[in-house]
Amino acid sequence: MKNNKTLYIVITIVLLLIVASVIAYKQSHKEDALNNQPEDTNTSLADDGNSSDAGTGSGTGSGTGAISNSAYIHAGSIRLLSPLDNGGLVAGAKITAEYELTAPVTYGTISLIPNTCTKVIENGIPGKYTFTCDVPVYIGREPVLIQEMKYKKDTAPKATNDFGSIRIIAPANVTPKSIVHYPEGKVLIPYPGTSDTRGYVELRVLYSDNVLRKVSAAEFKYSFGDPTIAAMSNFFQDSFAYINGKKEGTTNITATYGAISTTIPIQVIKR
């Protein structure tokens, strides 16, 4: 009986030692994880004199050319430091974008402005890097995509993505002067329209520096003289606004951009 009691005490002591060891091990690894987290470098991106209030435009094409706002766009080990998500770029400027690799990257891409400003990363090592590109002479929002491809032996590559957007805005000290539309004159809208034959109008804005800039059609406000004849389709593609014909007839559409507007004659014709 005495021997059994001694055995119970020994077993209890051993179990307590095991539990204490497990707790100490977990606490040690938790502290290591906290100490090894990458630093948040947001404070290093403070206003450098090139930033401005959203919507007014700023910068001359030097420095980053970006207007700081929101937060980082990042995918896996790739983090875009500048421009930030929902930040602004000046139309027509040459900009320097900055990104950081927080771990080795076998392959990745940063698509800042589709088909215009894209950076391919191959066998990248941790650190901060820059790349330059020209911002198109275009006003509106553009998507940003960051993608990292991770490879493992005998398995398909795994993609990690993150999406954001930037605003391309007019340079400082220029103002919209007039709106130009294409086709010029009366715009013919087919009825009934289809996805292949839908009617459209392209809109551009002439600014006070006499530069004609493409503007995202979604940036305008629209109203119809007779909404029973035609209406907006709520589908925009770059500077193109698409219009649905409802019945044959003639009316007009007023497109407004800020403080300026133009009236466009519309004729709906049956196909």
C-alpha atoms as a PDB file:
ATOM      1  CA  MET A   1       0.000   0.000   0.000  1.00  0.00           C
ATOM      2  CA  LYS A   2       2.832   2.292   0.948  1.00  0.00           C
ATOM      3  CA  ASN A   3       4.608   1.467  -2.302  1.00  0.00           C
ATOM      4  CA  ASN A   4       1.486   2.326  -4.332  1.00  0.00           C
ATOM      5  CA  LYS A   5       1.190   5.714  -2.621  1.00  0.00           C
ATOM      6  CA  THR A   6       4.830   6.475  -3.391  1.00  0.00           C
ATOM      7  CA  LEU A   7       4.265   5.506  -7.046  1.00  0.00           C
ATOM      8  CA  TYR A   8       1.282   7.880  -7.296  1.00  0.00           C
ATOM      9  CA  ILE A   9       3.377  10.745  -5.928  1.00  0.00           C
ATOM     10  CA  VAL A  10       6.190  10.083  -8.414  1.00  0.00           C
ATOM     11  CA  ILE A  11       3.747   9.933 -11.355  1.00  0.00           C
ATOM     12  CA  THR A  12       2.100  13.204 -10.242  1.00  0.00           C
ATOM     13  CA  ILE A  13       5.467  14.985 -10.009  1.00  0.00           C
ATOM     14  CA  VAL A  14       6.470  13.758 -13.498  1.00  0.00           C
ATOM     15  CA  LEU A  15       3.176  14.957 -15.006  1.00  0.00           C
ATOM     16  CA  LEU A  16       3.572  18.391 -13.417  1.00  0.00           C
ATOM     17  CA  LEU A  17       7.098  18.687 -14.825  1.00  0.00           C
ATOM     18  CA  ILE A  18       5.846  17.783 -18.316  1.00  0.00           C
ATOM     19  CA  VAL A  19       3.037  20.393 -18.194  1.00  0.00           C
ATOM     20  CA  ALA A  20       5.471  23.064 -16.979  1.00  0.00           C
ATOM     21  CA  SER A  21       7.872  22.238 -19.830  1.00  0.00           C
ATOM     22  CA  VAL A  22       5.116  22.510 -22.453  1.00  0.00           C
ATOM     23  CA  ILE A  23       3.956  25.909 -21.126  1.00  0.00           C
ATOM     24  CA  ALA A  24       7.527  27.235 -21.119  1.00  0.00           C
ATOM     25  CA  TYR A  25       8.094  25.967 -24.676  1.00  0.00           C
ATOM     26  CA  LYS A  26       4.940  27.656 -26.025  1.00  0.00           C
ATOM     27  CA  GLN A  27       5.707  30.942 -24.276  1.00  0.00           C
ATOM     28  CA  SER A  28       9.246  30.946 -25.671  1.00  0.00           C
ATOM     29  CA  HIS A  29       8.034  30.412 -29.258  1.00  0.00           C
ATOM     30  CA  LYS A  30       5.326  33.047 -28.880  1.00  0.00           C
ATOM     31  CA  GLU A  31       7.940  35.631 -27.851  1.00  0.00           C
ATOM     32  CA  ASP A  32      10.183  34.625 -30.752  1.00  0.00           C
ATOM     33  CA  ALA A  33       7.315  35.092 -33.220  1.00  0.00           C
ATOM     34  CA  LEU A  34       6.561  38.546 -31.870  1.00  0.00           C
ATOM     35  CA  ASN A  35      10.201  39.581 -31.990  1.00  0.00           C
ATOM     36  CA  ASN A  36      10.626  38.324 -35.568  1.00  0.00           C
ATOM     37  CA  GLN A  37       7.627  40.123 -37.077  1.00  0.00           C
ATOM     38  CA  PRO A  38       8.576  42.598 -39.861  1.00  0.00           C
ATOM     39  CA  GLU A  39       8.603  46.224 -38.841  1.00  0.00           C
ATOM     40  CA  ASP A  40       5.743  48.428 -39.939  1.00  0.00           C
ATOM     41  CA  THR A  41       7.490  51.129 -41.966  1.00  0.00           C
ATOM     42  CA  ASN A  42       4.398  53.299 -42.337  1.00  0.00           C
ATOM     43  CA  THR A  43       6.030  56.100 -40.345  1.00  0.00           C
ATOM     44  CA  SER A  44       8.834  56.307 -42.918  1.00  0.00           C
ATOM     45  CA  LEU A  45       6.256  57.256 -45.553  1.00  0.00           C
ATOM     46  CA  ALA A  46       5.227  60.478 -43.904  1.00  0.00           C
ATOM     47  CA  ASP A  47       4.292  63.462 -46.055  1.00  0.00           C
ATOM     48  CA  ASP A  48       7.394  64.411 -48.042  1.00  0.00           C
ATOM     49  CA  GLY A  49       5.968  67.555 -49.557  1.00  0.00           C
ATOM     50  CA  ASN A  50       4.571  65.823 -52.626  1.00  0.00           C
ATOM     51  CA  SER A  51       1.319  64.795 -50.976  1.00  0.00           C
ATOM     52  CA  SER A  52      -1.876  66.758 -51.239  1.00  0.00           C
ATOM     53  CA  ASP A  53      -5.529  66.705 -50.411  1.00  0.00           C
ATOM     54  CA  ALA A  54      -7.379  64.114 -52.498  1.00  0.00           C
ATOM     55  CA  GLY A  55      -8.977  65.489 -55.611  1.00  0.00           C
ATOM     56  CA  THR A  56      -6.832  68.602 -55.999  1.00  0.00           C
ATOM     57  CA  GLY A  57      -3.782  67.014 -57.595  1.00  0.00           C
ATOM     58  CA  SER A  58      -0.159  67.559 -56.651  1.00  0.00           C
ATOM     59  CA  GLY A  59       3.423  66.845 -57.589  1.00  0.00           C
ATOM     60  CA  THR A  60       5.465  67.650 -60.649  1.00  0.00           C
ATOM     61  CA  GLY A  61       6.603  64.170 -61.569  1.00  0.00           C
ATOM     62  CA  SER A  62       9.589  64.204 -59.203  1.00  0.00           C
ATOM     63  CA  GLY A  63       9.924  62.063 -56.086  1.00  0.00           C
ATOM     64  CA  THR A  64       7.299  59.355 -55.811  1.00  0.00           C
ATOM     65  CA  GLY A  65       4.622  61.363 -57.623  1.00  0.00           C
ATOM     66  CA  ALA A  66       2.139  59.715 -55.296  1.00  0.00           C
ATOM     67  CA  ILE A  67      -0.424  61.099 -52.888  1.00  0.00           C
ATOM     68  CA  SER A  68      -0.340  59.136 -49.644  1.00  0.00           C
ATOM     69  CA  ASN A  69      -3.616  57.816 -48.312  1.00  0.00           C
ATOM     70  CA  SER A  70      -5.012  54.521 -47.011  1.00  0.00           C
ATOM     71  CA  ALA A  71      -2.892  51.366 -46.529  1.00  0.00           C
ATOM     72  CA  TYR A  72      -0.418  48.964 -48.068  1.00  0.00           C
ATOM     73  CA  ILE A  73      -1.434  46.554 -50.809  1.00  0.00           C
ATOM     74  CA  HIS A  74       0.417  43.293 -50.197  1.00  0.00           C
ATOM     75  CA  ALA A  75       0.360  39.673 -51.275  1.00  0.00           C
ATOM     76  CA  GLY A  76       2.449  37.056 -49.559  1.00  0.00           C
ATOM     77  CA  SER A  77       5.938  38.497 -49.148  1.00  0.00           C
ATOM     78  CA  ILE A  78       5.408  41.447 -51.535  1.00  0.00           C
ATOM     79  CA  ARG A  79       4.325  44.779 -50.074  1.00  0.00           C
ATOM     80  CA  LEU A  80       3.717  47.936 -52.119  1.00  0.00           C
ATOM     81  CA  LEU A  81       4.962  50.873 -50.049  1.00  0.00           C
ATOM     82  CA  SER A  82       4.121  53.658 -52.493  1.00  0.00           C
ATOM     83  CA  PRO A  83       1.624  54.465 -53.847  1.00  0.00           C
ATOM     84  CA  LEU A  84      -0.736  53.270 -51.136  1.00  0.00           C
ATOM     85  CA  ASP A  85      -4.153  51.757 -51.697  1.00  0.00           C
ATOM     86  CA  ASN A  86      -6.592  54.452 -52.840  1.00  0.00           C
ATOM     87  CA  GLY A  87      -3.697  56.876 -53.255  1.00  0.00           C
ATOM     88  CA  GLY A  88      -3.353  59.253 -56.174  1.00  0.00           C
ATOM     89  CA  LEU A  89      -1.005  59.628 -59.130  1.00  0.00           C
ATOM     90  CA  VAL A  90      -0.718  62.702 -61.322  1.00  0.00           C
ATOM     91  CA  ALA A  91      -1.738  62.143 -64.954  1.00  0.00           C
ATOM     92  CA  GLY A  92       1.248  62.337 -67.303  1.00  0.00           C
ATOM     93  CA  ALA A  93       3.866  62.262 -64.505  1.00  0.00           C
ATOM     94  CA  LYS A  94       6.874  59.971 -64.287  1.00  0.00           C
ATOM     95  CA  ILE A  95       6.613  58.214 -60.947  1.00  0.00           C
ATOM     96  CA  THR A  96       8.840  56.060 -58.772  1.00  0.00           C
ATOM     97  CA  ALA A  97       7.000  53.250 -57.033  1.00  0.00           C
ATOM     98  CA  GLU A  98       8.523  51.521 -53.994  1.00  0.00           C
ATOM     99  CA  TYR A  99       7.970  47.976 -52.807  1.00  0.00           C
ATOM    100  CA  GLU A 100       9.385  45.651 -50.159  1.00  0.00           C
ATOM    101  CA  LEU A 101      10.075  41.918 -50.113  1.00  0.00           C
ATOM    102  CA  THR A 102       9.717  40.628 -46.559  1.00  0.00           C
ATOM    103  CA  ALA A 103      11.000  37.161 -47.547  1.00  0.00           C
ATOM    104  CA  PRO A 104      12.565  35.562 -50.650  1.00  0.00           C
ATOM    105  CA  VAL A 105      10.220  35.625 -53.670  1.00  0.00           C
ATOM    106  CA  THR A 106      10.654  33.128 -56.503  1.00  0.00           C
ATOM    107  CA  TYR A 107       8.234  34.905 -58.832  1.00  0.00           C
ATOM    108  CA  GLY A 108       5.794  37.758 -58.448  1.00  0.00           C
ATOM    109  CA  THR A 109       4.248  40.725 -60.242  1.00  0.00           C
ATOM    110  CA  ILE A 110       3.072  44.207 -59.329  1.00  0.00           C
ATOM    111  CA  SER A 111       0.574  45.605 -61.823  1.00  0.00           C
ATOM    112  CA  LEU A 112       0.259  49.234 -60.791  1.00  0.00           C
ATOM    113  CA  ILE A 113      -1.417  50.451 -63.983  1.00  0.00           C
ATOM    114  CA  PRO A 114      -2.490  47.607 -66.306  1.00  0.00           C
ATOM    115  CA  ASN A 115      -0.496  47.454 -69.578  1.00  0.00           C
ATOM    116  CA  THR A 116       1.447  50.569 -68.562  1.00  0.00           C
ATOM    117  CA  CYS A 117       3.244  50.126 -65.242  1.00  0.00           C
ATOM    118  CA  THR A 118       4.068  46.516 -64.312  1.00  0.00           C
ATOM    119  CA  LYS A 119       7.014  45.099 -62.386  1.00  0.00           C
ATOM    120  CA  VAL A 120       8.063  41.439 -62.620  1.00  0.00           C
ATOM    121  CA  ILE A 121       9.994  40.008 -59.666  1.00  0.00           C
ATOM    122  CA  GLU A 122      12.148  36.908 -60.157  1.00  0.00           C
ATOM    123  CA  ASN A 123      14.290  35.313 -57.447  1.00  0.00           C
ATOM    124  CA  GLY A 124      13.943  38.412 -55.280  1.00  0.00           C
ATOM    125  CA  ILE A 125      15.697  38.675 -51.946  1.00  0.00           C
ATOM    126  CA  PRO A 126      14.335  40.571 -48.909  1.00  0.00           C
ATOM    127  CA  GLY A 127      14.748  44.332 -49.068  1.00  0.00           C
ATOM    128  CA  LYS A 128      13.215  47.538 -50.430  1.00  0.00           C
ATOM    129  CA  TYR A 129      13.211  48.308 -54.151  1.00  0.00           C
ATOM    130  CA  THR A 130      11.894  50.876 -56.639  1.00  0.00           C
ATOM    131  CA  PHE A 131      10.758  50.965 -60.251  1.00  0.00           C
ATOM    132  CA  THR A 132       9.725  53.862 -62.478  1.00  0.00           C
ATOM    133  CA  CYS A 133       7.051  54.321 -65.109  1.00  0.00           C
ATOM    134  CA  ASP A 134       4.970  56.950 -66.881  1.00  0.00           C
ATOM    135  CA  VAL A 135       1.411  57.605 -65.731  1.00  0.00           C
ATOM    136  CA  PRO A 136      -0.978  57.835 -68.714  1.00  0.00           C
ATOM    137  CA  VAL A 137      -2.729  61.091 -69.565  1.00  0.00           C
ATOM    138  CA  TYR A 138      -5.968  59.739 -68.181  1.00  0.00           C
ATOM    139  CA  ILE A 139      -8.231  60.742 -65.279  1.00  0.00           C
ATOM    140  CA  GLY A 140     -10.001  58.064 -63.255  1.00  0.00           C
ATOM    141  CA  ARG A 141      -9.491  54.947 -61.152  1.00  0.00           C
ATOM    142  CA  GLU A 142      -7.204  52.079 -62.085  1.00  0.00           C
ATOM    143  CA  PRO A 143      -6.923  48.644 -60.439  1.00  0.00           C
ATOM    144  CA  VAL A 144      -3.750  47.485 -58.709  1.00  0.00           C
ATOM    145  CA  LEU A 145      -2.877  43.777 -58.559  1.00  0.00           C
ATOM    146  CA  ILE A 146      -0.035  42.162 -56.622  1.00  0.00           C
ATOM    147  CA  GLN A 147       0.578  38.451 -57.079  1.00  0.00           C
ATOM    148  CA  GLU A 148       3.157  36.062 -55.663  1.00  0.00           C
ATOM    149  CA  MET A 149       3.594  32.563 -57.065  1.00  0.00           C
ATOM    150  CA  LYS A 150       4.834  29.952 -54.603  1.00  0.00           C
ATOM    151  CA  TYR A 151       6.309  26.727 -55.938  1.00  0.00           C
ATOM    152  CA  LYS A 152       6.618  23.342 -54.281  1.00  0.00           C
ATOM    153  CA  LYS A 153       8.091  20.197 -55.735  1.00  0.00           C
ATOM    154  CA  ASP A 154       5.599  18.026 -57.657  1.00  0.00           C
ATOM    155  CA  THR A 155       2.683  20.408 -56.983  1.00  0.00           C
ATOM    156  CA  ALA A 156       1.049  23.166 -58.979  1.00  0.00           C
ATOM    157  CA  PRO A 157       2.184  26.706 -58.091  1.00  0.00           C
ATOM    158  CA  LYS A 158       0.023  28.509 -55.568  1.00  0.00           C
ATOM    159  CA  ALA A 159      -0.894  32.143 -56.242  1.00  0.00           C
ATOM    160  CA  THR A 160      -1.387  34.700 -53.494  1.00  0.00           C
ATOM    161  CA  ASN A 161      -3.184  37.855 -54.697  1.00  0.00           C
ATOM    162  CA  ASP A 162      -4.159  41.239 -53.324  1.00  0.00           C
ATOM    163  CA  PHE A 163      -6.185  43.907 -55.097  1.00  0.00           C
ATOM    164  CA  GLY A 164      -6.418  47.638 -54.617  1.00  0.00           C
ATOM    165  CA  SER A 165      -6.872  50.797 -56.656  1.00  0.00           C
ATOM    166  CA  ILE A 166      -5.283  54.145 -57.368  1.00  0.00           C
ATOM    167  CA  ARG A 167      -6.706  57.434 -58.593  1.00  0.00           C
ATOM    168  CA  ILE A 168      -5.151  59.205 -61.544  1.00  0.00           C
ATOM    169  CA  ILE A 169      -5.824  62.915 -61.139  1.00  0.00           C
ATOM    170  CA  ALA A 170      -5.108  66.117 -63.040  1.00  0.00           C
ATOM    171  CA  PRO A 171      -1.909  68.072 -62.309  1.00  0.00           C
ATOM    172  CA  ALA A 172      -2.089  70.898 -59.803  1.00  0.00           C
ATOM    173  CA  ASN A 173      -3.254  74.345 -60.917  1.00  0.00           C
ATOM    174  CA  VAL A 174      -5.212  73.125 -63.959  1.00  0.00           C
ATOM    175  CA  THR A 175      -8.988  73.135 -64.185  1.00  0.00           C
ATOM    176  CA  PRO A 176     -11.501  71.526 -66.572  1.00  0.00           C
ATOM    177  CA  LYS A 177     -12.449  73.928 -69.365  1.00  0.00           C
ATOM    178  CA  SER A 178     -14.775  72.031 -71.704  1.00  0.00           C
ATOM    179  CA  ILE A 179     -16.009  68.527 -72.556  1.00  0.00           C
ATOM    180  CA  VAL A 180     -15.466  66.926 -75.948  1.00  0.00           C
ATOM    181  CA  HIS A 181     -17.380  63.840 -77.084  1.00  0.00           C
ATOM    182  CA  TYR A 182     -16.863  61.243 -79.791  1.00  0.00           C
ATOM    183  CA  PRO A 183     -18.442  60.504 -82.198  1.00  0.00           C
ATOM    184  CA  GLU A 184     -18.881  64.202 -82.876  1.00  0.00           C
ATOM    185  CA  GLY A 185     -22.302  65.614 -83.686  1.00  0.00           C
ATOM    186  CA  LYS A 186     -25.381  63.416 -83.305  1.00  0.00           C
ATOM    187  CA  VAL A 187     -24.720  60.037 -81.697  1.00  0.00           C
ATOM    188  CA  LEU A 188     -26.643  57.087 -83.177  1.00  0.00           C
ATOM    189  CA  ILE A 189     -27.857  54.466 -80.714  1.00  0.00           C
ATOM    190  CA  PRO A 190     -29.118  51.100 -82.074  1.00  0.00           C
ATOM    191  CA  TYR A 191     -32.367  49.660 -80.752  1.00  0.00           C
ATOM    192  CA  PRO A 192     -32.600  47.007 -79.540  1.00  0.00           C
ATOM    193  CA  GLY A 193     -28.939  46.926 -78.578  1.00  0.00           C
ATOM    194  CA  THR A 194     -26.846  43.895 -77.684  1.00  0.00           C
ATOM    195  CA  SER A 195     -23.510  43.435 -75.958  1.00  0.00           C
ATOM    196  CA  ASP A 196     -21.891  43.542 -79.414  1.00  0.00           C
ATOM    197  CA  THR A 197     -23.848  46.467 -80.861  1.00  0.00           C
ATOM    198  CA  ARG A 198     -24.584  48.678 -77.864  1.00  0.00           C
ATOM    199  CA  GLY A 199     -24.395  52.422 -78.377  1.00  0.00           C
ATOM    200  CA  TYR A 200     -21.743  54.506 -76.685  1.00  0.00           C
ATOM    201  CA  VAL A 201     -20.222  57.954 -76.362  1.00  0.00           C
ATOM    202  CA  GLU A 202     -16.567  58.644 -75.528  1.00  0.00           C
ATOM    203  CA  LEU A 203     -15.877  61.622 -73.278  1.00  0.00           C
ATOM    204  CA  ARG A 204     -12.723  63.702 -72.906  1.00  0.00           C
ATOM    205  CA  VAL A 205     -12.011  66.907 -71.029  1.00  0.00           C
ATOM    206  CA  LEU A 206     -10.006  69.888 -72.258  1.00  0.00           C
ATOM    207  CA  TYR A 207      -8.124  71.456 -69.342  1.00  0.00           C
ATOM    208  CA  SER A 208      -6.885  74.995 -68.804  1.00  0.00           C
ATOM    209  CA  ASP A 209      -3.373  73.960 -69.915  1.00  0.00           C
ATOM    210  CA  ASN A 210      -4.939  73.065 -73.317  1.00  0.00           C
ATOM    211  CA  VAL A 211      -4.286  69.343 -72.826  1.00  0.00           C
ATOM    212  CA  LEU A 212      -7.160  67.071 -73.868  1.00  0.00           C
ATOM    213  CA  ARG A 213      -7.287  64.263 -71.320  1.00  0.00           C
ATOM    214  CA  LYS A 214      -9.232  61.032 -71.335  1.00  0.00           C
ATOM    215  CA  VAL A 215     -11.494  60.822 -68.315  1.00  0.00           C
ATOM    216  CA  SER A 216     -13.187  57.726 -66.923  1.00  0.00           C
ATOM    217  CA  ALA A 217     -16.809  57.857 -68.049  1.00  0.00           C
ATOM    218  CA  ALA A 218     -17.812  56.792 -64.528  1.00  0.00           C
ATOM    219  CA  GLU A 219     -16.594  60.182 -63.260  1.00  0.00           C
ATOM    220  CA  PHE A 220     -19.443  62.011 -65.055  1.00  0.00           C
ATOM    221  CA  LYS A 221     -23.069  62.557 -64.089  1.00  0.00           C
ATOM    222  CA  TYR A 222     -25.734  62.031 -66.758  1.00  0.00           C
ATOM    223  CA  SER A 223     -29.288  63.135 -67.434  1.00  0.00           C
ATOM    224  CA  PHE A 224     -31.574  62.570 -70.435  1.00  0.00           C
ATOM    225  CA  GLY A 225     -34.015  64.994 -71.985  1.00  0.00           C
ATOM    226  CA  ASP A 226     -36.456  62.134 -72.581  1.00  0.00           C
ATOM    227  CA  PRO A 227     -35.592  59.069 -70.477  1.00  0.00           C
ATOM    228  CA  THR A 228     -38.267  57.030 -72.288  1.00  0.00           C
ATOM    229  CA  ILE A 229     -36.116  57.103 -75.455  1.00  0.00           C
ATOM    230  CA  ALA A 230     -32.673  56.323 -74.016  1.00  0.00           C
ATOM    231  CA  ALA A 231     -30.925  55.759 -70.698  1.00  0.00           C
ATOM    232  CA  MET A 232     -27.481  54.935 -69.355  1.00  0.00           C
ATOM    233  CA  SER A 233     -26.612  51.258 -69.291  1.00  0.00           C
ATOM    234  CA  ASN A 234     -24.565  51.658 -66.072  1.00  0.00           C
ATOM    235  CA  PHE A 235     -21.683  50.058 -67.942  1.00  0.00           C
ATOM    236  CA  PHE A 236     -18.499  52.098 -68.323  1.00  0.00           C
ATOM    237  CA  GLN A 237     -15.192  51.134 -69.882  1.00  0.00           C
ATOM    238  CA  ASP A 238     -12.405  53.679 -69.541  1.00  0.00           C
ATOM    239  CA  SER A 239     -13.651  56.863 -71.225  1.00  0.00           C
ATOM    240  CA  PHE A 240     -16.608  55.115 -72.895  1.00  0.00           C
ATOM    241  CA  ALA A 241     -20.158  55.481 -71.547  1.00  0.00           C
ATOM    242  CA  TYR A 242     -22.660  52.989 -72.946  1.00  0.00           C
ATOM    243  CA  ILE A 243     -26.269  53.937 -73.663  1.00  0.00           C
ATOM    244  CA  ASN A 244     -29.387  51.796 -73.994  1.00  0.00           C
ATOM    245  CA  GLY A 245     -31.991  52.755 -76.578  1.00  0.00           C
ATOM    246  CA  LYS A 246     -35.575  52.199 -75.423  1.00  0.00           C
ATOM    247  CA  LYS A 247     -37.526  53.234 -78.521  1.00  0.00           C
ATOM    248  CA  GLU A 248     -36.989  55.117 -81.748  1.00  0.00           C
ATOM    249  CA  GLY A 249     -36.694  58.857 -81.380  1.00  0.00           C
ATOM    250  CA  THR A 250     -34.436  61.835 -80.776  1.00  0.00           C
ATOM    251  CA  THR A 251     -33.378  63.264 -77.443  1.00  0.00           C
ATOM    252  CA  ASN A 252     -30.217  64.507 -75.775  1.00  0.00           C
ATOM    253  CA  ILE A 253     -27.942  63.563 -72.925  1.00  0.00           C
ATOM    254  CA  THR A 254     -26.280  66.067 -70.603  1.00  0.00           C
ATOM    255  CA  ALA A 255     -22.890  64.923 -69.273  1.00  0.00           C
ATOM    256  CA  THR A 256     -21.588  66.887 -66.275  1.00  0.00           C
ATOM    257  CA  TYR A 257     -18.054  66.829 -64.921  1.00  0.00           C
ATOM    258  CA  GLY A 258     -17.538  69.029 -61.891  1.00  0.00           C
ATOM    259  CA  ALA A 259     -18.655  72.538 -62.811  1.00  0.00           C
ATOM    260  CA  ILE A 260     -18.770  71.986 -66.592  1.00  0.00           C
ATOM    261  CA  SER A 261     -21.265  70.139 -68.771  1.00  0.00           C
ATOM    262  CA  THR A 262     -22.118  69.446 -72.376  1.00  0.00           C
ATOM    263  CA  THR A 263     -25.291  68.408 -74.178  1.00  0.00           C
ATOM    264  CA  ILE A 264     -25.006  65.584 -76.698  1.00  0.00           C
ATOM    265  CA  PRO A 265     -27.765  64.955 -79.288  1.00  0.00           C
ATOM    266  CA  ILE A 266     -28.917  61.314 -79.344  1.00  0.00           C
ATOM    267  CA  GLN A 267     -30.900  59.499 -82.019  1.00  0.00           C
ATOM    268  CA  VAL A 268     -32.197  56.013 -81.346  1.00  0.00           C
ATOM    269  CA  ILE A 269     -32.637  53.999 -84.536  1.00  0.00           C
ATOM    270  CA  LYS A 270     -34.254  50.597 -84.962  1.00  0.00           C
ATOM    271  CA  ARG A 271     -31.896  47.936 -86.252  1.00  0.00           C
END
